[in-house]
Amino acid sequence: MLLQKFLAPKSLPYNFQEWKKKPFRERAKMICKAWALDGFGAPVSVLGFYVIKILIYIGLWFYFCSYSSSLGSIFEIHDWFFSLEALGKAIVWTTLFEVIGLGGGSGPLTGRYVPPFGGMTYFLRLNTIKHPFFRNLPFIGNDRRNILDVLLYGVFIILGFLICFSSEINTYLLLVFILLIPILGILDRTIFLAARADIYFPILICLLFPLESLMGLKMMWFGIWFWAAFSKLTLNFTSVISVMICNSPVFQFSIFEGMKKKLFHSFPNDLRPSKRANYIAHFGTIVEFSMPILLLIFSFSSEIVFVALVIMSLFHFFIFMNFPMGVPMEWNVIMVYGGWVLFGYHIDVFVWEITHPILILTLSISLFILPILGHLYPKYISFLLSMRYYAGTWGYSVWLFKGDALKKIDENITKTSPALMTQLEKIYETEIAEAALTKVIAFRMMHLPGRLIHQLIPKTVENINDYTWMDGEFIAGEILGWNFGDGHLHNEQLLDSVQKRCQFKEGELRLIRVESPSFFTQNLDWEIYDAHSGLIEKGRSNTKDLKNRLPWGEVVIE
C-alpha cells in the first residue's frame, strides 16, 4: 500500500469517465483547473528519481577527476575544485551525459517511464528514424539510421570517456571529439541537439585555447545567462511561471494550494496569469539580466562578484526545485559550478583580452549571430541555438490519431520505447494511465501560444472526440529517442518519415504545427497537415491576440 502511494500520481479532482463524455471545451476547462492545483500530478517518487540521477552525475564527475594527475580524490577537493582541468572534465562529462540520453529529456517528466531514457538506445540502433540535415542526399540524407551513423556515434562516446578517464585533457582527443559533433549533426540533427551543442560545442572549443580558455568560458557563461533573460522579454513568459510552479513536486503539498491559486487572475474561472505571477516573472528576468552584467563589468570587485554569484546560485536553485518540464537539472548544476570557478576563483581574468580569431569567431556565432537570427526568424533556427530557454517561446505540435490509428506507430517503426500509454500501463491501471496523459493537454493550453489550438482544431478535424491527442514532444521522444521542447523535431519532416513507414489513410493522422513566435512581431506561424495528403492549411496569428483568451479558448472581454 505504501509503495503504491509512493508511485501513484495525484488523483484527478473529477470523475474521469464522466469527463470523457463532455464537450471538448468543457474537458479542457476541467483539466486546466486540475493543472492549476496539481500540475502534472507526478508522484513523489519522481522527485527522488531526478535527485538520485543528479547525485550519480556529480559522483561520476568526482570519479573522473580522480584520474587526472593534476587533480585528485574527493578528499583533496579543496586543492582542485576551482581548477580549469576540473571544469573541463565537468564540461566533457556533461556533454556525454546529455548525448547518451541521461540528461534533459529523460525520466517521467518528459514522458519516459519504461525505459526512463532514450538517447543511445536509439542512436546505437540500426534502422531507427533520424533527422538528416541535408535530406535526400545519397547515404547521408536518408532518414533511416545506418552503420555509419552508429559507428560515428559510438566513436564519439568512446572518445568522450577516454577524455574523462585521462590523466589530463588531451587536446588532440578533444579536437576530434569536438569535430564529431557537427558531423553527427549533419547525419542526424537530433544527436546534435541531444548533445546540447547550442552551449557545449562552443564551450568545448574554448578548451582548445589554454591561454584564453578562461576568458572564452567567462564570455560563454555570460552569454547563456544574458540570452536566457532576453528571451523572457515577451508576453509568453508569465504563463510559464504559473505553469511551472504549479507543476513542481516540491509545491504539491496542500499548504501551498493557496499560493498556487494566487498565481492566476481569478481561480478557478480565470486561469490567466495574475499580477503576482507577473511580478515573479519580472523579478526573475531582472535577476538573470543584472547579475551576469555585474559579474562581467565588476569582475575586479570580489565583494560584488560574491554577492552576484550567491544570487545566481539561488536563482538556479529555484529553477531546480521547480523541476521544469524537460528537467535540465545538469545544466543548472554546471552553470552554478562554472560561475563560481570562472567569476569567483579566476577573478583576475577579463573577457576583453581575448585575441585568438577562431575563439572570437566561435563566440560571435554562438552568442550573437545565431541568437539574433533565431529571435527574428525562429522558423529556420532551433530555439536551443537561439538560446530562448524556457521562456514559453518554443514551437509545438499536436498529433491527432483517428480511432486506433496510433497502433500503427508500434507496428511499423523501429524504436526502443513503446507507446507512452503502454509504458504507463506497466505501472498503473489503464484508467489511471489514460487520465494522467490528459494532463499534457492542459500543459500545452496553459501556455500563451497554446491557446491558439482552439482556433486550429476546427480547421483540422470535424470531431475532435474521434481522435487521440498526442503532444509532439512525446511523439519525438518515442520515435526519435530524444525530446527537449524543440518543435522542429516533430514537424512535417518527422510526419513524412512516419507516413513512409505507416501509410496512414486520409484523415487517420492530422498534425497541427505552431512555430515559435518571432521576438519583435510576436507572430505565430501555423500549419495543418494530413499524413496522407500533406499540407491542408497554413496561416499566421499573434500572441497579443491570445492574451484575453482563457486556456480553454473562451474570450474574456474587459
Protein backbone atom coordinates (compact mmCIF):
# COMPACT_ATOMS: atom_id res chain seq x y z
CA MET A 1 0.00 0.00 0.00
CA LEU A 2 2.83 2.40 0.90
CA LEU A 3 4.73 1.59 -2.32
CA GLN A 4 1.59 2.11 -4.40
CA LYS A 5 1.05 5.52 -2.78
CA PHE A 6 4.69 6.38 -3.40
CA LEU A 7 4.34 5.64 -7.14
CA ALA A 8 0.77 6.79 -7.73
CA PRO A 9 0.09 10.12 -9.48
CA LYS A 10 -2.21 12.70 -7.91
CA SER A 11 -5.87 11.82 -8.41
CA LEU A 12 -7.96 13.99 -10.70
CA PRO A 13 -10.49 16.25 -8.92
CA TYR A 14 -13.33 14.84 -11.06
CA ASN A 15 -14.68 11.53 -12.34
CA PHE A 16 -12.62 10.57 -15.36
CA GLN A 17 -15.34 8.53 -17.07
CA GLU A 18 -17.81 11.40 -16.76
CA TRP A 19 -15.13 13.80 -18.03
CA LYS A 20 -14.71 11.82 -21.25
CA LYS A 21 -18.39 12.31 -22.13
CA LYS A 22 -18.26 16.09 -22.01
CA PRO A 23 -17.65 18.53 -24.94
CA PHE A 24 -14.01 19.27 -25.68
CA ARG A 25 -14.01 22.85 -24.36
CA GLU A 26 -15.53 21.76 -21.07
CA ARG A 27 -12.99 18.96 -20.77
CA ALA A 28 -10.20 21.42 -21.46
CA LYS A 29 -11.52 23.71 -18.72
CA MET A 30 -11.59 20.87 -16.19
CA ILE A 31 -8.06 19.65 -16.83
CA CYS A 32 -6.65 23.18 -16.81
CA LYS A 33 -8.18 23.71 -13.38
CA ALA A 34 -6.66 20.42 -12.28
CA TRP A 35 -3.25 21.55 -13.54
CA ALA A 36 -3.54 24.83 -11.63
CA LEU A 37 -3.86 22.81 -8.42
CA ASP A 38 -1.54 19.86 -9.01
CA GLY A 39 0.36 20.34 -12.27
CA PHE A 40 1.03 17.03 -13.99
CA GLY A 41 0.34 15.36 -10.64
CA ALA A 42 3.58 13.39 -10.70
CA PRO A 43 4.19 11.21 -7.60
CA VAL A 44 6.84 11.97 -5.00
CA SER A 45 8.99 9.21 -6.46
CA VAL A 46 9.60 11.43 -9.49
CA LEU A 47 11.45 13.93 -7.32
CA GLY A 48 13.57 11.09 -5.92
CA PHE A 49 14.39 9.83 -9.41
CA TYR A 50 15.86 13.14 -10.52
CA VAL A 51 17.72 13.79 -7.26
CA ILE A 52 19.37 10.35 -7.46
CA LYS A 53 20.23 10.96 -11.13
CA ILE A 54 21.96 14.24 -10.25
CA LEU A 55 23.88 12.60 -7.41
CA ILE A 56 25.13 9.92 -9.83
CA TYR A 57 26.07 12.62 -12.34
CA ILE A 58 28.09 14.55 -9.74
CA GLY A 59 29.57 11.38 -8.22
CA LEU A 60 30.91 10.17 -11.57
CA TRP A 61 32.45 13.60 -12.19
CA PHE A 62 34.37 13.23 -8.92
CA TYR A 63 35.43 9.76 -10.08
CA PHE A 64 36.71 11.05 -13.44
CA CYS A 65 38.60 13.87 -11.72
CA SER A 66 40.46 11.34 -9.58
CA TYR A 67 42.14 10.06 -12.77
CA SER A 68 43.66 13.46 -13.56
CA SER A 69 47.27 13.79 -12.43
CA SER A 70 46.76 17.45 -11.54
CA LEU A 71 43.55 16.83 -9.59
CA GLY A 72 42.82 14.13 -7.04
CA SER A 73 40.24 12.38 -4.92
CA ILE A 74 37.21 13.89 -3.22
CA PHE A 75 39.28 14.12 -0.03
CA GLU A 76 41.57 16.60 -1.78
CA ILE A 77 38.77 18.62 -3.32
CA HIS A 78 39.92 21.87 -1.70
CA ASP A 79 43.07 21.72 -3.86
CA TRP A 80 41.48 21.22 -7.26
CA PHE A 81 37.76 22.12 -7.19
CA PHE A 82 38.21 25.54 -8.85
CA SER A 83 40.75 24.46 -11.49
CA LEU A 84 40.22 24.67 -15.25
CA GLU A 85 41.04 20.96 -15.55
CA ALA A 86 38.17 20.04 -13.20
CA LEU A 87 35.76 22.33 -15.04
CA GLY A 88 36.94 20.87 -18.35
CA LYS A 89 36.18 17.35 -17.14
CA ALA A 90 32.74 18.54 -15.99
CA ILE A 91 32.03 20.01 -19.44
CA VAL A 92 33.07 16.87 -21.35
CA TRP A 93 31.19 14.63 -18.92
CA THR A 94 28.04 16.78 -19.10
CA THR A 95 28.14 16.65 -22.90
CA LEU A 96 28.41 12.86 -22.70
CA PHE A 97 25.69 12.61 -20.08
CA GLU A 98 23.35 14.57 -22.33
CA VAL A 99 24.08 12.80 -25.62
CA ILE A 100 23.80 9.37 -24.01
CA GLY A 101 20.27 10.39 -23.10
CA LEU A 102 20.63 10.66 -19.32
CA GLY A 103 20.35 14.45 -19.06
CA GLY A 104 17.49 16.75 -20.04
CA GLY A 105 14.76 14.85 -21.84
CA SER A 106 14.99 11.82 -19.57
CA GLY A 107 12.68 10.43 -16.90
CA PRO A 108 8.93 10.59 -16.26
CA LEU A 109 8.57 14.38 -16.53
CA THR A 110 9.50 14.05 -20.22
CA GLY A 111 7.24 11.07 -20.94
CA ARG A 112 9.82 8.38 -20.26
CA TYR A 113 8.83 5.68 -17.80
CA VAL A 114 9.89 2.25 -19.07
CA PRO A 115 12.66 2.76 -20.16
CA PRO A 116 13.41 6.10 -18.44
CA PHE A 117 15.70 7.35 -21.23
CA GLY A 118 16.22 7.03 -24.98
CA GLY A 119 19.40 8.57 -26.37
CA MET A 120 21.99 5.92 -27.09
CA THR A 121 19.38 3.12 -27.13
CA TYR A 122 18.24 4.77 -30.39
CA PHE A 123 21.49 6.27 -31.63
CA LEU A 124 23.26 2.88 -31.48
CA ARG A 125 20.39 1.00 -33.14
CA LEU A 126 20.17 0.47 -36.88
CA ASN A 127 17.01 1.49 -38.77
CA THR A 128 15.70 3.92 -36.17
CA ILE A 129 14.41 7.21 -37.58
CA LYS A 130 16.80 10.15 -37.74
CA HIS A 131 16.66 13.77 -38.90
CA PRO A 132 19.40 14.33 -41.53
CA PHE A 133 20.39 17.95 -42.03
CA PHE A 134 20.59 17.52 -45.81
CA ARG A 135 17.57 15.47 -46.77
CA ASN A 136 17.62 13.08 -49.75
CA LEU A 137 21.40 13.20 -50.30
CA PRO A 138 22.83 9.74 -51.06
CA PHE A 139 23.74 7.71 -47.96
CA ILE A 140 23.90 10.65 -45.51
CA GLY A 141 20.47 12.12 -46.33
CA ASN A 142 18.37 9.06 -45.58
CA ASP A 143 16.02 9.14 -42.59
CA ARG A 144 16.94 5.56 -41.62
CA ARG A 145 19.93 5.15 -39.29
CA ASN A 146 22.72 3.18 -40.96
CA ILE A 147 26.04 1.67 -39.96
CA LEU A 148 27.94 4.95 -40.49
CA ASP A 149 25.63 6.77 -38.07
CA VAL A 150 26.04 4.09 -35.42
CA LEU A 151 29.82 3.82 -35.77
CA LEU A 152 30.47 7.56 -35.62
CA TYR A 153 28.19 7.96 -32.62
CA GLY A 154 29.97 5.04 -30.94
CA VAL A 155 33.37 6.60 -31.60
CA PHE A 156 32.11 9.89 -30.15
CA ILE A 157 31.02 8.20 -26.92
CA ILE A 158 34.30 6.27 -26.61
CA LEU A 159 36.35 9.43 -27.16
CA GLY A 160 34.34 11.24 -24.51
CA PHE A 161 35.02 8.54 -21.93
CA LEU A 162 38.71 8.42 -22.88
CA ILE A 163 38.94 12.14 -22.13
CA CYS A 164 37.08 11.68 -18.85
CA PHE A 165 39.42 8.88 -17.74
CA SER A 166 42.62 10.53 -18.98
CA SER A 167 45.32 11.95 -16.71
CA GLU A 168 44.83 15.31 -18.45
CA ILE A 169 42.52 16.69 -21.12
CA ASN A 170 44.33 15.68 -24.30
CA THR A 171 44.00 18.46 -26.90
CA TYR A 172 44.07 16.08 -29.88
CA LEU A 173 41.39 13.78 -28.47
CA LEU A 174 39.34 16.82 -27.54
CA LEU A 175 39.67 18.24 -31.06
CA VAL A 176 38.37 15.01 -32.66
CA PHE A 177 35.59 14.87 -30.06
CA ILE A 178 34.58 18.44 -30.97
CA LEU A 179 34.75 17.87 -34.74
CA LEU A 180 32.47 14.85 -34.46
CA ILE A 181 29.66 16.98 -33.02
CA PRO A 182 28.82 18.89 -36.25
CA ILE A 183 29.49 15.74 -38.31
CA LEU A 184 26.94 13.83 -36.23
CA GLY A 185 24.64 16.83 -36.56
CA ILE A 186 24.77 16.67 -40.35
CA LEU A 187 23.88 12.98 -40.21
CA ASP A 188 21.21 13.48 -37.55
CA ARG A 189 20.40 16.86 -36.05
CA THR A 190 18.64 15.08 -33.18
CA ILE A 191 22.05 13.97 -31.88
CA PHE A 192 23.46 17.48 -32.31
CA LEU A 193 20.68 18.90 -30.14
CA ALA A 194 20.80 15.99 -27.69
CA ALA A 195 24.47 16.81 -27.05
CA ARG A 196 23.24 20.32 -26.18
CA ALA A 197 25.63 21.60 -28.83
CA ASP A 198 23.99 25.01 -28.54
CA ILE A 199 26.12 25.57 -25.42
CA TYR A 200 28.63 22.73 -25.02
CA PHE A 201 30.01 22.83 -28.57
CA PRO A 202 31.34 26.42 -28.30
CA ILE A 203 32.27 25.81 -24.64
CA LEU A 204 34.38 22.80 -25.67
CA ILE A 205 36.06 24.89 -28.38
CA CYS A 206 37.13 27.34 -25.65
CA LEU A 207 39.10 24.50 -24.03
CA LEU A 208 41.27 24.19 -27.16
CA PHE A 209 42.94 27.53 -26.38
CA PRO A 210 44.63 27.10 -22.95
CA LEU A 211 45.88 30.69 -22.77
CA GLU A 212 42.41 32.12 -23.40
CA SER A 213 40.12 29.29 -22.22
CA LEU A 214 39.02 31.05 -19.06
CA MET A 215 38.23 34.25 -20.97
CA GLY A 216 36.19 32.38 -23.58
CA LEU A 217 34.34 30.37 -20.95
CA LYS A 218 33.51 33.51 -18.99
CA MET A 219 32.03 35.03 -22.12
CA MET A 220 30.01 31.86 -22.79
CA TRP A 221 28.60 31.78 -19.27
CA PHE A 222 27.64 35.44 -19.53
CA GLY A 223 26.08 34.93 -22.96
CA ILE A 224 23.98 31.96 -21.86
CA TRP A 225 22.61 33.90 -18.88
CA PHE A 226 22.06 37.04 -20.97
CA TRP A 227 20.10 35.39 -23.78
CA ALA A 228 18.11 33.25 -21.37
CA ALA A 229 17.00 36.52 -19.74
CA PHE A 230 16.48 38.30 -23.05
CA SER A 231 14.18 35.56 -24.34
CA LYS A 232 11.88 36.20 -21.38
CA LEU A 233 11.05 39.71 -22.56
CA THR A 234 7.78 38.56 -24.12
CA LEU A 235 4.14 38.11 -23.17
CA ASN A 236 4.70 34.36 -23.06
CA PHE A 237 6.95 34.13 -20.02
CA THR A 238 4.41 34.99 -17.31
CA SER A 239 2.33 31.93 -18.20
CA VAL A 240 5.49 29.81 -17.90
CA ILE A 241 5.91 30.87 -14.28
CA SER A 242 2.40 29.86 -13.20
CA VAL A 243 2.52 26.57 -15.13
CA MET A 244 5.99 25.67 -13.82
CA ILE A 245 5.34 26.42 -10.13
CA CYS A 246 2.04 24.53 -10.16
CA ASN A 247 3.82 21.53 -11.64
CA SER A 248 6.67 21.47 -9.12
CA PRO A 249 6.70 18.28 -6.98
CA VAL A 250 8.04 20.48 -4.16
CA PHE A 251 4.82 22.54 -4.11
CA GLN A 252 2.39 19.62 -4.27
CA PHE A 253 1.61 19.67 -0.56
CA SER A 254 -1.73 21.16 0.49
CA ILE A 255 -0.09 24.05 2.39
CA PHE A 256 0.92 25.53 -0.99
CA GLU A 257 -2.55 25.38 -2.52
CA GLY A 258 -3.43 28.98 -1.64
CA MET A 259 -0.13 30.23 -3.06
CA LYS A 260 -0.73 28.44 -6.35
CA LYS A 261 -4.25 29.80 -6.70
CA LYS A 262 -2.87 33.33 -6.36
CA LEU A 263 -0.74 32.77 -9.47
CA PHE A 264 -3.91 33.12 -11.53
CA HIS A 265 -6.19 36.05 -12.28
CA SER A 266 -9.17 34.53 -10.51
CA PHE A 267 -9.05 30.83 -9.69
CA PRO A 268 -10.85 28.71 -10.89
CA ASN A 269 -12.76 30.70 -13.53
CA ASP A 270 -9.95 32.81 -14.96
CA LEU A 271 -6.62 30.98 -15.22
CA ARG A 272 -4.72 33.68 -16.99
CA PRO A 273 -1.57 34.63 -15.03
CA SER A 274 -2.13 37.03 -12.15
CA LYS A 275 -0.21 40.17 -11.26
CA ARG A 276 1.69 38.11 -8.69
CA ALA A 277 2.86 35.69 -11.41
CA ASN A 278 3.79 38.72 -13.49
CA TYR A 279 5.87 40.18 -10.64
CA ILE A 280 7.67 36.87 -10.11
CA ALA A 281 8.41 36.66 -13.84
CA HIS A 282 9.76 40.22 -13.98
CA PHE A 283 11.81 39.75 -10.83
CA GLY A 284 13.42 36.59 -12.22
CA THR A 285 14.18 38.30 -15.50
CA ILE A 286 15.79 41.28 -13.75
CA VAL A 287 17.96 38.93 -11.66
CA GLU A 288 19.01 36.90 -14.69
CA PHE A 289 19.86 40.08 -16.59
CA SER A 290 21.55 42.16 -13.91
CA MET A 291 23.70 39.65 -12.01
CA PRO A 292 25.70 38.42 -15.04
CA ILE A 293 26.22 42.05 -16.12
CA LEU A 294 27.60 42.82 -12.66
CA LEU A 295 29.85 39.76 -12.87
CA LEU A 296 31.23 40.94 -16.19
CA ILE A 297 31.61 44.66 -15.53
CA PHE A 298 32.70 44.49 -11.88
CA SER A 299 34.81 41.36 -12.20
CA PHE A 300 37.61 43.17 -10.33
CA SER A 301 35.46 43.55 -7.18
CA SER A 302 35.43 40.37 -5.08
CA GLU A 303 32.56 41.68 -2.92
CA ILE A 304 30.23 42.38 -5.86
CA VAL A 305 31.20 39.12 -7.55
CA PHE A 306 30.47 37.13 -4.39
CA VAL A 307 27.02 38.67 -3.92
CA ALA A 308 26.13 38.22 -7.61
CA LEU A 309 27.21 34.56 -7.54
CA VAL A 310 25.20 33.84 -4.42
CA ILE A 311 22.09 35.38 -6.04
CA MET A 312 22.63 33.45 -9.31
CA SER A 313 23.11 30.23 -7.33
CA LEU A 314 19.79 30.82 -5.58
CA PHE A 315 18.22 31.63 -8.95
CA HIS A 316 19.32 28.26 -10.36
CA PHE A 317 18.23 26.50 -7.18
CA PHE A 318 14.74 27.96 -7.66
CA ILE A 319 14.63 26.56 -11.20
CA PHE A 320 15.97 23.24 -9.92
CA MET A 321 13.35 22.87 -7.19
CA ASN A 322 10.54 23.52 -9.67
CA PHE A 323 11.61 20.58 -11.86
CA PRO A 324 10.57 22.28 -15.13
CA MET A 325 9.36 20.07 -17.98
CA GLY A 326 12.44 18.91 -19.86
CA VAL A 327 14.22 18.80 -16.48
CA PRO A 328 17.55 20.44 -17.41
CA MET A 329 19.00 19.67 -13.96
CA GLU A 330 22.58 19.07 -15.09
CA TRP A 331 22.58 22.45 -16.83
CA ASN A 332 21.64 24.16 -13.58
CA VAL A 333 24.41 22.34 -11.71
CA ILE A 334 27.19 23.09 -14.18
CA MET A 335 26.11 26.73 -14.61
CA VAL A 336 26.41 27.29 -10.86
CA TYR A 337 29.69 25.40 -10.61
CA GLY A 338 31.16 27.11 -13.66
CA GLY A 339 30.04 30.51 -12.40
CA TRP A 340 31.97 30.10 -9.14
CA VAL A 341 35.05 28.73 -10.93
CA LEU A 342 35.17 31.37 -13.66
CA PHE A 343 33.96 34.52 -11.93
CA GLY A 344 34.61 33.69 -8.30
CA TYR A 345 38.00 31.98 -8.30
CA HIS A 346 39.56 33.31 -11.52
CA ILE A 347 38.56 36.87 -10.78
CA ASP A 348 41.62 38.37 -12.49
CA VAL A 349 40.70 37.04 -15.96
CA PHE A 350 38.98 39.54 -18.29
CA VAL A 351 36.96 38.71 -21.41
CA TRP A 352 38.12 41.78 -23.33
CA GLU A 353 41.60 40.25 -23.51
CA ILE A 354 40.51 37.55 -25.99
CA THR A 355 42.59 37.80 -29.16
CA HIS A 356 42.52 34.44 -30.97
CA PRO A 357 40.47 34.83 -34.18
CA ILE A 358 38.95 31.31 -34.05
CA LEU A 359 37.76 31.87 -30.49
CA ILE A 360 36.36 35.29 -31.38
CA LEU A 361 34.55 33.79 -34.40
CA THR A 362 33.13 30.95 -32.28
CA LEU A 363 31.83 33.33 -29.63
CA SER A 364 30.43 35.69 -32.26
CA ILE A 365 28.46 32.94 -34.00
CA SER A 366 27.15 31.23 -30.85
CA LEU A 367 26.46 34.33 -28.75
CA PHE A 368 25.45 36.94 -31.33
CA ILE A 369 24.64 35.69 -34.83
CA LEU A 370 22.58 32.57 -34.01
CA PRO A 371 20.58 34.09 -31.11
CA ILE A 372 19.75 37.25 -33.05
CA LEU A 373 18.71 35.34 -36.19
CA GLY A 374 16.81 32.82 -34.08
CA HIS A 375 14.82 35.51 -32.32
CA LEU A 376 13.96 37.18 -35.64
CA TYR A 377 13.46 34.08 -37.80
CA PRO A 378 12.53 31.18 -35.49
CA LYS A 379 11.34 29.05 -38.41
CA TYR A 380 14.92 28.43 -39.51
CA ILE A 381 16.83 28.04 -36.24
CA SER A 382 16.19 25.79 -33.25
CA PHE A 383 15.07 27.61 -30.12
CA LEU A 384 18.06 25.97 -28.40
CA LEU A 385 20.59 27.51 -30.78
CA SER A 386 18.67 30.77 -30.37
CA MET A 387 19.15 30.42 -26.59
CA ARG A 388 15.44 31.04 -25.98
CA TYR A 389 15.46 28.85 -22.90
CA TYR A 390 12.25 28.02 -21.04
CA ALA A 391 10.52 31.26 -21.85
CA GLY A 392 7.33 29.94 -23.42
CA THR A 393 8.75 30.66 -26.86
CA TRP A 394 9.13 27.12 -28.17
CA GLY A 395 7.33 25.79 -31.21
CA TYR A 396 4.98 22.88 -30.63
CA SER A 397 2.82 20.36 -32.43
CA VAL A 398 -0.24 18.25 -31.75
CA TRP A 399 -0.66 14.87 -33.44
CA LEU A 400 -4.26 13.66 -33.77
CA PHE A 401 -4.79 9.93 -34.45
CA LYS A 402 -8.22 8.76 -35.53
CA GLY A 403 -9.64 5.68 -33.83
CA ASP A 404 -6.93 3.09 -33.23
CA ALA A 405 -4.55 4.53 -35.88
CA LEU A 406 -1.96 5.19 -33.17
CA LYS A 407 -1.23 1.45 -33.07
CA LYS A 408 0.48 1.71 -36.46
CA ILE A 409 3.41 3.50 -34.79
CA ASP A 410 4.31 0.46 -32.67
CA GLU A 411 3.62 -1.93 -35.52
CA ASN A 412 5.77 -0.27 -38.21
CA ILE A 413 8.51 1.87 -36.64
CA THR A 414 11.82 0.67 -35.20
CA LYS A 415 12.25 2.13 -31.72
CA THR A 416 13.14 1.14 -28.18
CA SER A 417 10.38 2.97 -26.30
CA PRO A 418 6.85 1.57 -26.59
CA ALA A 419 3.85 3.87 -26.84
CA LEU A 420 3.51 6.16 -23.84
CA MET A 421 0.23 4.54 -22.84
CA THR A 422 1.89 1.12 -22.94
CA GLN A 423 4.69 2.39 -20.70
CA LEU A 424 2.23 3.77 -18.16
CA GLU A 425 0.15 0.59 -18.15
CA LYS A 426 3.20 -1.29 -16.89
CA ILE A 427 2.99 0.84 -13.74
CA TYR A 428 -0.65 1.89 -13.34
CA GLU A 429 -4.13 0.66 -14.12
CA THR A 430 -5.37 1.65 -17.58
CA GLU A 431 -7.77 4.33 -16.36
CA ILE A 432 -5.12 5.97 -14.16
CA ALA A 433 -2.64 5.95 -17.05
CA GLU A 434 -5.16 7.36 -19.51
CA ALA A 435 -6.19 10.08 -17.06
CA ALA A 436 -2.58 11.07 -16.43
CA LEU A 437 -1.96 11.60 -20.14
CA THR A 438 -4.82 14.07 -20.44
CA LYS A 439 -2.84 16.49 -18.24
CA VAL A 440 -0.50 17.07 -21.19
CA ILE A 441 -3.35 18.84 -22.98
CA ALA A 442 -3.56 21.27 -20.07
CA PHE A 443 0.19 21.88 -20.11
CA ARG A 444 0.01 22.94 -23.75
CA MET A 445 -3.08 25.16 -23.36
CA MET A 446 -1.93 26.88 -20.18
CA HIS A 447 0.97 28.47 -22.07
CA LEU A 448 0.00 31.54 -24.09
CA PRO A 449 0.87 30.20 -27.60
CA GLY A 450 -1.02 27.00 -26.77
CA ARG A 451 -4.32 28.86 -26.65
CA LEU A 452 -4.18 29.13 -30.42
CA ILE A 453 -5.01 25.43 -30.57
CA HIS A 454 -8.72 26.11 -30.04
CA GLN A 455 -8.85 28.07 -33.28
CA LEU A 456 -6.95 25.39 -35.19
CA ILE A 457 -8.76 22.21 -34.11
CA PRO A 458 -11.96 23.03 -36.07
CA LYS A 459 -9.78 23.61 -39.15
CA THR A 460 -8.07 20.25 -38.60
CA VAL A 461 -10.78 17.69 -37.80
CA GLU A 462 -14.57 17.52 -37.91
CA ASN A 463 -14.95 15.93 -34.48
CA ILE A 464 -12.07 16.05 -32.01
CA ASN A 465 -13.74 13.29 -29.96
CA ASP A 466 -12.90 10.81 -32.74
CA TYR A 467 -9.18 11.42 -32.26
CA THR A 468 -6.48 10.62 -29.73
CA TRP A 469 -4.43 13.69 -28.80
CA MET A 470 -0.64 13.13 -28.65
CA ASP A 471 1.70 16.01 -27.99
CA GLY A 472 4.55 16.23 -30.47
CA GLU A 473 7.07 16.18 -27.62
CA PHE A 474 6.06 12.66 -26.69
CA ILE A 475 5.96 11.57 -30.33
CA ALA A 476 9.55 12.79 -30.82
CA GLY A 477 10.70 11.10 -27.62
CA GLU A 478 9.12 7.82 -28.64
CA ILE A 479 10.20 7.82 -32.30
CA LEU A 480 13.47 9.81 -32.38
CA GLY A 481 14.77 8.90 -28.93
CA TRP A 482 15.08 12.46 -27.60
CA ASN A 483 12.86 15.48 -26.93
CA PHE A 484 13.52 18.79 -25.21
CA GLY A 485 10.92 21.32 -26.31
CA ASP A 486 12.14 21.80 -29.87
CA GLY A 487 9.12 21.79 -32.16
CA HIS A 488 11.41 21.42 -35.18
CA LEU A 489 12.00 17.78 -34.21
CA HIS A 490 8.33 16.80 -34.54
CA ASN A 491 7.34 18.85 -37.58
CA GLU A 492 6.34 17.82 -41.09
CA GLN A 493 9.75 16.18 -41.66
CA LEU A 494 9.04 13.65 -38.94
CA LEU A 495 5.48 13.28 -40.25
CA ASP A 496 6.90 12.34 -43.67
CA SER A 497 9.19 9.72 -42.09
CA VAL A 498 6.31 8.29 -40.09
CA GLN A 499 3.98 8.21 -43.11
CA LYS A 500 6.61 6.43 -45.21
CA ARG A 501 6.56 3.57 -42.70
CA CYS A 502 2.95 3.54 -41.51
CA GLN A 503 0.97 4.51 -44.62
CA PHE A 504 -1.87 6.27 -42.80
CA LYS A 505 -5.04 6.75 -44.82
CA GLU A 506 -6.65 10.14 -45.43
CA GLY A 507 -7.84 11.57 -42.11
CA GLU A 508 -6.17 8.95 -39.89
CA LEU A 509 -3.40 11.28 -38.73
CA ARG A 510 -3.52 15.05 -38.66
CA LEU A 511 -0.71 17.32 -37.49
CA ILE A 512 -1.09 20.83 -36.09
CA ARG A 513 2.22 22.63 -36.09
CA VAL A 514 2.73 26.05 -34.43
CA GLU A 515 6.06 27.85 -34.81
CA SER A 516 7.87 29.73 -32.08
CA PRO A 517 6.85 33.43 -32.08
CA SER A 518 9.30 35.91 -33.58
CA PHE A 519 10.63 38.35 -30.98
CA PHE A 520 9.54 41.76 -32.26
CA THR A 521 6.31 40.91 -34.09
CA GLN A 522 5.20 38.03 -31.80
CA ASN A 523 3.72 36.39 -34.89
CA LEU A 524 2.83 32.70 -34.67
CA ASP A 525 3.01 30.87 -37.99
CA TRP A 526 0.94 27.69 -38.06
CA GLU A 527 0.37 24.80 -40.45
CA ILE A 528 -2.03 21.87 -40.58
CA TYR A 529 -1.06 18.62 -42.31
CA ASP A 530 -2.66 15.33 -43.16
CA ALA A 531 -0.17 12.45 -43.11
CA HIS A 532 -1.55 11.11 -46.40
CA SER A 533 -2.32 14.22 -48.44
CA GLY A 534 0.11 16.79 -47.00
CA LEU A 535 -0.50 20.45 -46.22
CA ILE A 536 -4.14 21.33 -45.58
CA GLU A 537 -3.87 24.95 -44.50
CA LYS A 538 -1.40 27.45 -43.09
CA GLY A 539 -1.71 30.89 -41.59
CA ARG A 540 -0.47 33.38 -39.03
CA SER A 541 -1.69 34.56 -35.66
CA ASN A 542 -0.19 36.69 -32.89
CA THR A 543 0.36 36.10 -29.18
CA LYS A 544 -1.11 39.53 -28.44
CA ASP A 545 -4.43 38.30 -29.86
CA LEU A 546 -4.37 35.39 -27.40
CA LYS A 547 -3.80 37.47 -24.30
CA ASN A 548 -7.51 37.76 -23.48
CA ARG A 549 -8.26 34.11 -24.16
CA LEU A 550 -8.61 31.64 -21.31
CA PRO A 551 -6.65 28.37 -21.63
CA TRP A 552 -9.84 26.58 -22.73
CA GLY A 553 -10.49 29.09 -25.51
CA GLU A 554 -13.10 31.45 -24.13
CA VAL A 555 -12.53 35.14 -24.82
CA VAL A 556 -12.56 37.47 -21.82
CA ILE A 557 -13.99 40.93 -22.52
CA GLU A 558 -12.58 43.53 -20.14
